[in-house]
Amino acid sequence: SGGATVTPTSGIVTERFPLAQSAALVGLLFL
């Protein structure tokens, strides 16, 4: 369960937000 959450979480970001912001937005989630 622990190794499974990152891909769908980051996938929701990359499919709904501009790609150029993806690293910073995923970074916000990791914050």
Full PDB file with SEQRES, HELIX, SHEET, SSBOND, CRYST1, ORIGX, SCALE, CONECT and MASTER records, all heavy atoms in Angstrom:
SEQRES   1 A   31  SER GLY GLY ALA THR VAL THR PRO THR SER GLY ILE VAL          
SEQRES   2 A   31  THR GLU ARG PHE PRO LEU ALA GLN SER ALA ALA LEU VAL          
SEQRES   3 A   31  GLY LEU LEU PHE LEU                                          
HELIX    1 AA1 VAL A    6  ARG A   16  1                                  11    
HELIX    2 AA2 LEU A   19  GLN A   21  5                                   3    
HELIX    3 AA3 SER A   22  PHE A   30  1                                   9    
CRYST1    1.000    1.000    1.000  90.00  90.00  90.00 P 1           1          
ORIGX1      1.000000  0.000000  0.000000        0.00000                         
ORIGX2      0.000000  1.000000  0.000000        0.00000                         
ORIGX3      0.000000  0.000000  1.000000        0.00000                         
SCALE1      1.000000  0.000000  0.000000        0.00000                         
SCALE2      0.000000  1.000000  0.000000        0.00000                         
SCALE3      0.000000  0.000000  1.000000        0.00000                         
ATOM      1  N   SER A   1       0.825  -1.213   0.000  1.00  0.00           N  
ATOM      2  CA  SER A   1       0.000   0.000   0.000  1.00  0.00           C  
ATOM      3  C   SER A   1       0.857   1.261   0.000  1.00  0.00           C  
ATOM      4  O   SER A   1       0.502   2.271  -0.604  1.00  0.00           O  
ATOM      5  CB  SER A   1      -0.932   0.010   1.213  1.00  0.00           C  
ATOM      6  OG  SER A   1      -0.196  -0.030   2.424  1.00  0.00           O  
ATOM      7  N   GLY A   2       2.030   1.195   0.665  1.00  0.00           N  
ATOM      8  CA  GLY A   2       2.875   2.379   0.760  1.00  0.00           C  
ATOM      9  C   GLY A   2       3.513   2.772  -0.558  1.00  0.00           C  
ATOM     10  O   GLY A   2       3.666   3.954  -0.860  1.00  0.00           O  
ATOM     11  N   GLY A   3       3.889   1.780  -1.381  1.00  0.00           N  
ATOM     12  CA  GLY A   3       4.530   2.096  -2.651  1.00  0.00           C  
ATOM     13  C   GLY A   3       3.561   2.424  -3.763  1.00  0.00           C  
ATOM     14  O   GLY A   3       3.986   2.723  -4.888  1.00  0.00           O  
ATOM     15  N   ALA A   4       2.266   2.404  -3.454  1.00  0.00           N  
ATOM     16  CA  ALA A   4       1.265   2.523  -4.511  1.00  0.00           C  
ATOM     17  C   ALA A   4       0.679   3.913  -4.671  1.00  0.00           C  
ATOM     18  O   ALA A   4       0.070   4.216  -5.703  1.00  0.00           O  
ATOM     19  CB  ALA A   4       0.127   1.525  -4.234  1.00  0.00           C  
ATOM     20  N   THR A   5       0.839   4.786  -3.681  1.00  0.00           N  
ATOM     21  CA  THR A   5       0.076   6.041  -3.687  1.00  0.00           C  
ATOM     22  C   THR A   5       0.703   7.150  -4.535  1.00  0.00           C  
ATOM     23  O   THR A   5      -0.009   8.037  -5.014  1.00  0.00           O  
ATOM     24  CB  THR A   5      -0.102   6.562  -2.254  1.00  0.00           C  
ATOM     25  OG1 THR A   5       1.189   6.740  -1.651  1.00  0.00           O  
ATOM     26  CG2 THR A   5      -0.920   5.595  -1.421  1.00  0.00           C  
ATOM     27  N   VAL A   6       2.034   7.122  -4.711  1.00  0.00           N  
ATOM     28  CA  VAL A   6       2.703   8.256  -5.362  1.00  0.00           C  
ATOM     29  C   VAL A   6       2.283   8.407  -6.826  1.00  0.00           C  
ATOM     30  O   VAL A   6       1.998   9.515  -7.290  1.00  0.00           O  
ATOM     31  CB  VAL A   6       4.232   8.120  -5.252  1.00  0.00           C  
ATOM     32  CG1 VAL A   6       4.931   9.221  -6.053  1.00  0.00           C  
ATOM     33  CG2 VAL A   6       4.663   8.186  -3.798  1.00  0.00           C  
ATOM     34  N   THR A   7       2.230   7.301  -7.573  1.00  0.00           N  
ATOM     35  CA  THR A   7       1.925   7.390  -9.004  1.00  0.00           C  
ATOM     36  C   THR A   7       0.531   7.945  -9.274  1.00  0.00           C  
ATOM     37  O   THR A   7       0.382   8.876 -10.078  1.00  0.00           O  
ATOM     38  CB  THR A   7       2.102   6.017  -9.674  1.00  0.00           C  
ATOM     39  OG1 THR A   7       3.474   5.605  -9.535  1.00  0.00           O  
ATOM     40  CG2 THR A   7       1.767   6.093 -11.152  1.00  0.00           C  
ATOM     41  N   PRO A   8      -0.546   7.440  -8.649  1.00  0.00           N  
ATOM     42  CA  PRO A   8      -1.853   8.055  -8.903  1.00  0.00           C  
ATOM     43  C   PRO A   8      -1.956   9.485  -8.382  1.00  0.00           C  
ATOM     44  O   PRO A   8      -2.632  10.322  -8.988  1.00  0.00           O  
ATOM     45  CB  PRO A   8      -2.845   7.123  -8.189  1.00  0.00           C  
ATOM     46  CG  PRO A   8      -2.042   6.332  -7.241  1.00  0.00           C  
ATOM     47  CD  PRO A   8      -0.675   6.219  -7.824  1.00  0.00           C  
ATOM     48  N   THR A   9      -1.269   9.784  -7.279  1.00  0.00           N  
ATOM     49  CA  THR A   9      -1.306  11.151  -6.748  1.00  0.00           C  
ATOM     50  C   THR A   9      -0.643  12.122  -7.723  1.00  0.00           C  
ATOM     51  O   THR A   9      -1.218  13.162  -8.075  1.00  0.00           O  
ATOM     52  CB  THR A   9      -0.604  11.213  -5.376  1.00  0.00           C  
ATOM     53  OG1 THR A   9      -1.292  10.373  -4.446  1.00  0.00           O  
ATOM     54  CG2 THR A   9      -0.583  12.629  -4.841  1.00  0.00           C  
ATOM     55  N   SER A  10       0.578  11.794  -8.162  1.00  0.00           N  
ATOM     56  CA  SER A  10       1.265  12.674  -9.119  1.00  0.00           C  
ATOM     57  C   SER A  10       0.547  12.671 -10.460  1.00  0.00           C  
ATOM     58  O   SER A  10       0.545  13.676 -11.184  1.00  0.00           O  
ATOM     59  CB  SER A  10       2.721  12.234  -9.295  1.00  0.00           C  
ATOM     60  OG  SER A  10       2.803  10.910  -9.794  1.00  0.00           O  
ATOM     61  N   GLY A  11      -0.091  11.541 -10.815  1.00  0.00           N  
ATOM     62  CA  GLY A  11      -0.834  11.464 -12.074  1.00  0.00           C  
ATOM     63  C   GLY A  11      -2.008  12.419 -12.103  1.00  0.00           C  
ATOM     64  O   GLY A  11      -2.309  13.026 -13.143  1.00  0.00           O  
ATOM     65  N   ILE A  12      -2.699  12.572 -10.986  1.00  0.00           N  
ATOM     66  CA  ILE A  12      -3.808  13.530 -10.921  1.00  0.00           C  
ATOM     67  C   ILE A  12      -3.298  14.946 -11.147  1.00  0.00           C  
ATOM     68  O   ILE A  12      -3.935  15.762 -11.814  1.00  0.00           O  
ATOM     69  CB  ILE A  12      -4.534  13.408  -9.560  1.00  0.00           C  
ATOM     70  CG1 ILE A  12      -5.274  12.068  -9.484  1.00  0.00           C  
ATOM     71  CG2 ILE A  12      -5.516  14.559  -9.354  1.00  0.00           C  
ATOM     72  CD1 ILE A  12      -5.912  11.779  -8.133  1.00  0.00           C  
ATOM     73  N   VAL A  13      -2.103  15.237 -10.614  1.00  0.00           N  
ATOM     74  CA  VAL A  13      -1.521  16.571 -10.802  1.00  0.00           C  
ATOM     75  C   VAL A  13      -1.143  16.803 -12.263  1.00  0.00           C  
ATOM     76  O   VAL A  13      -1.505  17.827 -12.860  1.00  0.00           O  
ATOM     77  CB  VAL A  13      -0.283  16.752  -9.898  1.00  0.00           C  
ATOM     78  CG1 VAL A  13       0.443  18.061 -10.234  1.00  0.00           C  
ATOM     79  CG2 VAL A  13      -0.696  16.741  -8.432  1.00  0.00           C  
ATOM     80  N   THR A  14      -0.414  15.862 -12.873  1.00  0.00           N  
ATOM     81  CA  THR A  14       0.079  16.078 -14.238  1.00  0.00           C  
ATOM     82  C   THR A  14      -1.037  16.100 -15.273  1.00  0.00           C  
ATOM     83  O   THR A  14      -0.886  16.722 -16.329  1.00  0.00           O  
ATOM     84  CB  THR A  14       1.109  14.996 -14.617  1.00  0.00           C  
ATOM     85  OG1 THR A  14       0.525  13.697 -14.441  1.00  0.00           O  
ATOM     86  CG2 THR A  14       2.346  15.105 -13.740  1.00  0.00           C  
ATOM     87  N   GLU A  15      -2.181  15.455 -14.990  1.00  0.00           N  
ATOM     88  CA  GLU A  15      -3.265  15.463 -15.969  1.00  0.00           C  
ATOM     89  C   GLU A  15      -4.207  16.647 -15.796  1.00  0.00           C  
ATOM     90  O   GLU A  15      -4.996  16.954 -16.692  1.00  0.00           O  
ATOM     91  CB  GLU A  15      -4.054  14.150 -15.899  1.00  0.00           C  
ATOM     92  CG  GLU A  15      -4.921  13.976 -14.688  1.00  0.00           C  
ATOM     93  CD  GLU A  15      -5.585  12.603 -14.627  1.00  0.00           C  
ATOM     94  OE1 GLU A  15      -5.231  11.736 -15.454  1.00  0.00           O  
ATOM     95  OE2 GLU A  15      -6.440  12.391 -13.732  1.00  0.00           O  
ATOM     96  N   ARG A  16      -4.121  17.364 -14.679  1.00  0.00           N  
ATOM     97  CA  ARG A  16      -5.061  18.452 -14.416  1.00  0.00           C  
ATOM     98  C   ARG A  16      -4.413  19.816 -14.275  1.00  0.00           C  
ATOM     99  O   ARG A  16      -5.102  20.823 -14.160  1.00  0.00           O  
ATOM    100  CB  ARG A  16      -5.871  18.148 -13.146  1.00  0.00           C  
ATOM    101  CG  ARG A  16      -6.613  16.814 -13.218  1.00  0.00           C  
ATOM    102  CD  ARG A  16      -7.563  16.616 -12.058  1.00  0.00           C  
ATOM    103  NE  ARG A  16      -8.069  15.245 -12.021  1.00  0.00           N  
ATOM    104  CZ  ARG A  16      -9.170  14.866 -11.385  1.00  0.00           C  
ATOM    105  NH1 ARG A  16      -9.882  15.778 -10.730  1.00  0.00           N  
ATOM    106  NH2 ARG A  16      -9.555  13.608 -11.391  1.00  0.00           N  
ATOM    107  N   PHE A  17      -3.059  19.866 -14.259  1.00  0.00           N  
ATOM    108  CA  PHE A  17      -2.344  21.130 -14.107  1.00  0.00           C  
ATOM    109  C   PHE A  17      -1.278  21.239 -15.198  1.00  0.00           C  
ATOM    110  O   PHE A  17      -0.866  20.236 -15.772  1.00  0.00           O  
ATOM    111  CB  PHE A  17      -1.687  21.219 -12.726  1.00  0.00           C  
ATOM    112  CG  PHE A  17      -2.659  21.309 -11.584  1.00  0.00           C  
ATOM    113  CD1 PHE A  17      -3.156  20.155 -10.986  1.00  0.00           C  
ATOM    114  CD2 PHE A  17      -3.073  22.536 -11.097  1.00  0.00           C  
ATOM    115  CE1 PHE A  17      -4.053  20.221  -9.933  1.00  0.00           C  
ATOM    116  CE2 PHE A  17      -3.972  22.621 -10.042  1.00  0.00           C  
ATOM    117  CZ  PHE A  17      -4.463  21.467  -9.458  1.00  0.00           C  
ATOM    118  N   PRO A  18      -0.816  22.471 -15.505  1.00  0.00           N  
ATOM    119  CA  PRO A  18       0.224  22.644 -16.529  1.00  0.00           C  
ATOM    120  C   PRO A  18       1.488  21.861 -16.192  1.00  0.00           C  
ATOM    121  O   PRO A  18       1.919  21.819 -15.033  1.00  0.00           O  
ATOM    122  CB  PRO A  18       0.494  24.157 -16.508  1.00  0.00           C  
ATOM    123  CG  PRO A  18      -0.758  24.757 -15.964  1.00  0.00           C  
ATOM    124  CD  PRO A  18      -1.293  23.765 -14.980  1.00  0.00           C  
ATOM    125  N   LEU A  19       2.080  21.247 -17.221  1.00  0.00           N  
ATOM    126  CA  LEU A  19       3.250  20.403 -17.021  1.00  0.00           C  
ATOM    127  C   LEU A  19       4.417  21.179 -16.428  1.00  0.00           C  
ATOM    128  O   LEU A  19       5.155  20.654 -15.584  1.00  0.00           O  
ATOM    129  CB  LEU A  19       3.668  19.766 -18.353  1.00  0.00           C  
ATOM    130  CG  LEU A  19       4.873  18.829 -18.314  1.00  0.00           C  
ATOM    131  CD1 LEU A  19       4.623  17.665 -17.368  1.00  0.00           C  
ATOM    132  CD2 LEU A  19       5.193  18.319 -19.717  1.00  0.00           C  
ATOM    133  N   ALA A  20       4.578  22.445 -16.833  1.00  0.00           N  
ATOM    134  CA  ALA A  20       5.700  23.242 -16.336  1.00  0.00           C  
ATOM    135  C   ALA A  20       5.614  23.502 -14.838  1.00  0.00           C  
ATOM    136  O   ALA A  20       6.602  23.863 -14.212  1.00  0.00           O  
ATOM    137  CB  ALA A  20       5.768  24.576 -17.085  1.00  0.00           C  
ATOM    138  N   GLN A  21       4.430  23.324 -14.257  1.00  0.00           N  
ATOM    139  CA  GLN A  21       4.261  23.515 -12.823  1.00  0.00           C  
ATOM    140  C   GLN A  21       4.283  22.198 -12.049  1.00  0.00           C  
ATOM    141  O   GLN A  21       4.173  22.191 -10.826  1.00  0.00           O  
ATOM    142  CB  GLN A  21       2.925  24.227 -12.541  1.00  0.00           C  
ATOM    143  CG  GLN A  21       2.827  25.627 -13.106  1.00  0.00           C  
ATOM    144  CD  GLN A  21       1.465  26.256 -12.812  1.00  0.00           C  
ATOM    145  OE1 GLN A  21       0.609  25.654 -12.184  1.00  0.00           O  
ATOM    146  NE2 GLN A  21       1.272  27.474 -13.290  1.00  0.00           N  
ATOM    147  N   SER A  22       4.416  21.082 -12.748  1.00  0.00           N  
ATOM    148  CA  SER A  22       4.214  19.786 -12.110  1.00  0.00           C  
ATOM    149  C   SER A  22       5.214  19.515 -10.994  1.00  0.00           C  
ATOM    150  O   SER A  22       4.843  19.021  -9.921  1.00  0.00           O  
ATOM    151  CB  SER A  22       4.263  18.658 -13.146  1.00  0.00           C  
ATOM    152  OG  SER A  22       5.524  18.598 -13.775  1.00  0.00           O  
ATOM    153  N   ALA A  23       6.497  19.835 -11.214  1.00  0.00           N  
ATOM    154  CA  ALA A  23       7.500  19.561 -10.181  1.00  0.00           C  
ATOM    155  C   ALA A  23       7.213  20.364  -8.919  1.00  0.00           C  
ATOM    156  O   ALA A  23       7.301  19.844  -7.799  1.00  0.00           O  
ATOM    157  CB  ALA A  23       8.901  19.871 -10.695  1.00  0.00           C  
ATOM    158  N   ALA A  24       6.859  21.637  -9.089  1.00  0.00           N  
ATOM    159  CA  ALA A  24       6.572  22.478  -7.926  1.00  0.00           C  
ATOM    160  C   ALA A  24       5.294  22.039  -7.228  1.00  0.00           C  
ATOM    161  O   ALA A  24       5.212  22.030  -5.992  1.00  0.00           O  
ATOM    162  CB  ALA A  24       6.470  23.944  -8.352  1.00  0.00           C  
ATOM    163  N   LEU A  25       4.262  21.649  -8.005  1.00  0.00           N  
ATOM    164  CA  LEU A  25       2.996  21.234  -7.400  1.00  0.00           C  
ATOM    165  C   LEU A  25       3.126  19.887  -6.692  1.00  0.00           C  
ATOM    166  O   LEU A  25       2.595  19.704  -5.591  1.00  0.00           O  
ATOM    167  CB  LEU A  25       1.896  21.175  -8.458  1.00  0.00           C  
ATOM    168  CG  LEU A  25       1.418  22.524  -8.983  1.00  0.00           C  
ATOM    169  CD1 LEU A  25       0.445  22.340 -10.145  1.00  0.00           C  
ATOM    170  CD2 LEU A  25       0.764  23.332  -7.871  1.00  0.00           C  
ATOM    171  N   VAL A  26       3.820  18.942  -7.320  1.00  0.00           N  
ATOM    172  CA  VAL A  26       4.085  17.681  -6.634  1.00  0.00           C  
ATOM    173  C   VAL A  26       4.954  17.942  -5.404  1.00  0.00           C  
ATOM    174  O   VAL A  26       4.793  17.310  -4.355  1.00  0.00           O  
ATOM    175  CB  VAL A  26       4.759  16.660  -7.579  1.00  0.00           C  
ATOM    176  CG1 VAL A  26       5.207  15.417  -6.820  1.00  0.00           C  
ATOM    177  CG2 VAL A  26       3.798  16.270  -8.700  1.00  0.00           C  
ATOM    178  N   GLY A  27       5.850  18.927  -5.522  1.00  0.00           N  
ATOM    179  CA  GLY A  27       6.651  19.322  -4.365  1.00  0.00           C  
ATOM    180  C   GLY A  27       5.791  19.863  -3.236  1.00  0.00           C  
ATOM    181  O   GLY A  27       6.055  19.609  -2.060  1.00  0.00           O  
ATOM    182  N   LEU A  28       4.741  20.622  -3.579  1.00  0.00           N  
ATOM    183  CA  LEU A  28       3.812  21.112  -2.560  1.00  0.00           C  
ATOM    184  C   LEU A  28       3.115  19.952  -1.851  1.00  0.00           C  
ATOM    185  O   LEU A  28       2.916  19.978  -0.636  1.00  0.00           O  
ATOM    186  CB  LEU A  28       2.774  22.037  -3.193  1.00  0.00           C  
ATOM    187  CG  LEU A  28       3.220  23.455  -3.522  1.00  0.00           C  
ATOM    188  CD1 LEU A  28       2.140  24.181  -4.316  1.00  0.00           C  
ATOM    189  CD2 LEU A  28       3.523  24.228  -2.242  1.00  0.00           C  
ATOM    190  N   LEU A  29       2.730  18.944  -2.624  1.00  0.00           N  
ATOM    191  CA  LEU A  29       2.113  17.768  -2.016  1.00  0.00           C  
ATOM    192  C   LEU A  29       3.099  17.063  -1.083  1.00  0.00           C  
ATOM    193  O   LEU A  29       2.733  16.620   0.012  1.00  0.00           O  
ATOM    194  CB  LEU A  29       1.627  16.800  -3.093  1.00  0.00           C  
ATOM    195  CG  LEU A  29       0.444  17.268  -3.941  1.00  0.00           C  
ATOM    196  CD1 LEU A  29       0.116  16.239  -5.012  1.00  0.00           C  
ATOM    197  CD2 LEU A  29      -0.782  17.512  -3.062  1.00  0.00           C  
ATOM    198  N   PHE A  30       4.361  16.961  -1.522  1.00  0.00           N  
ATOM    199  CA  PHE A  30       5.362  16.332  -0.666  1.00  0.00           C  
ATOM    200  C   PHE A  30       5.678  17.199   0.551  1.00  0.00           C  
ATOM    201  O   PHE A  30       6.094  16.679   1.590  1.00  0.00           O  
ATOM    202  CB  PHE A  30       6.628  16.027  -1.460  1.00  0.00           C  
ATOM    203  CG  PHE A  30       6.627  14.657  -2.077  1.00  0.00           C  
ATOM    204  CD1 PHE A  30       6.292  14.485  -3.409  1.00  0.00           C  
ATOM    205  CD2 PHE A  30       6.939  13.548  -1.324  1.00  0.00           C  
ATOM    206  CE1 PHE A  30       6.270  13.223  -3.985  1.00  0.00           C  
ATOM    207  CE2 PHE A  30       6.925  12.277  -1.878  1.00  0.00           C  
ATOM    208  CZ  PHE A  30       6.590  12.107  -3.213  1.00  0.00           C  
ATOM    209  N   LEU A  31       5.477  18.508   0.434  1.00  0.00           N  
ATOM    210  CA  LEU A  31       5.619  19.373   1.601  1.00  0.00           C  
ATOM    211  C   LEU A  31       4.597  18.968   2.661  1.00  0.00           C  
ATOM    212  O   LEU A  31       4.930  18.793   3.840  1.00  0.00           O  
ATOM    213  CB  LEU A  31       5.429  20.834   1.201  1.00  0.00           C  
ATOM    214  CG  LEU A  31       5.281  21.852   2.336  1.00  0.00           C  
ATOM    215  CD1 LEU A  31       6.491  21.802   3.261  1.00  0.00           C  
ATOM    216  CD2 LEU A  31       5.092  23.255   1.764  1.00  0.00           C  
TER     217      LEU A  31                                                      
MASTER        0    0    0    3    0    0    0    6  216    1    0    3          
END                                                                             
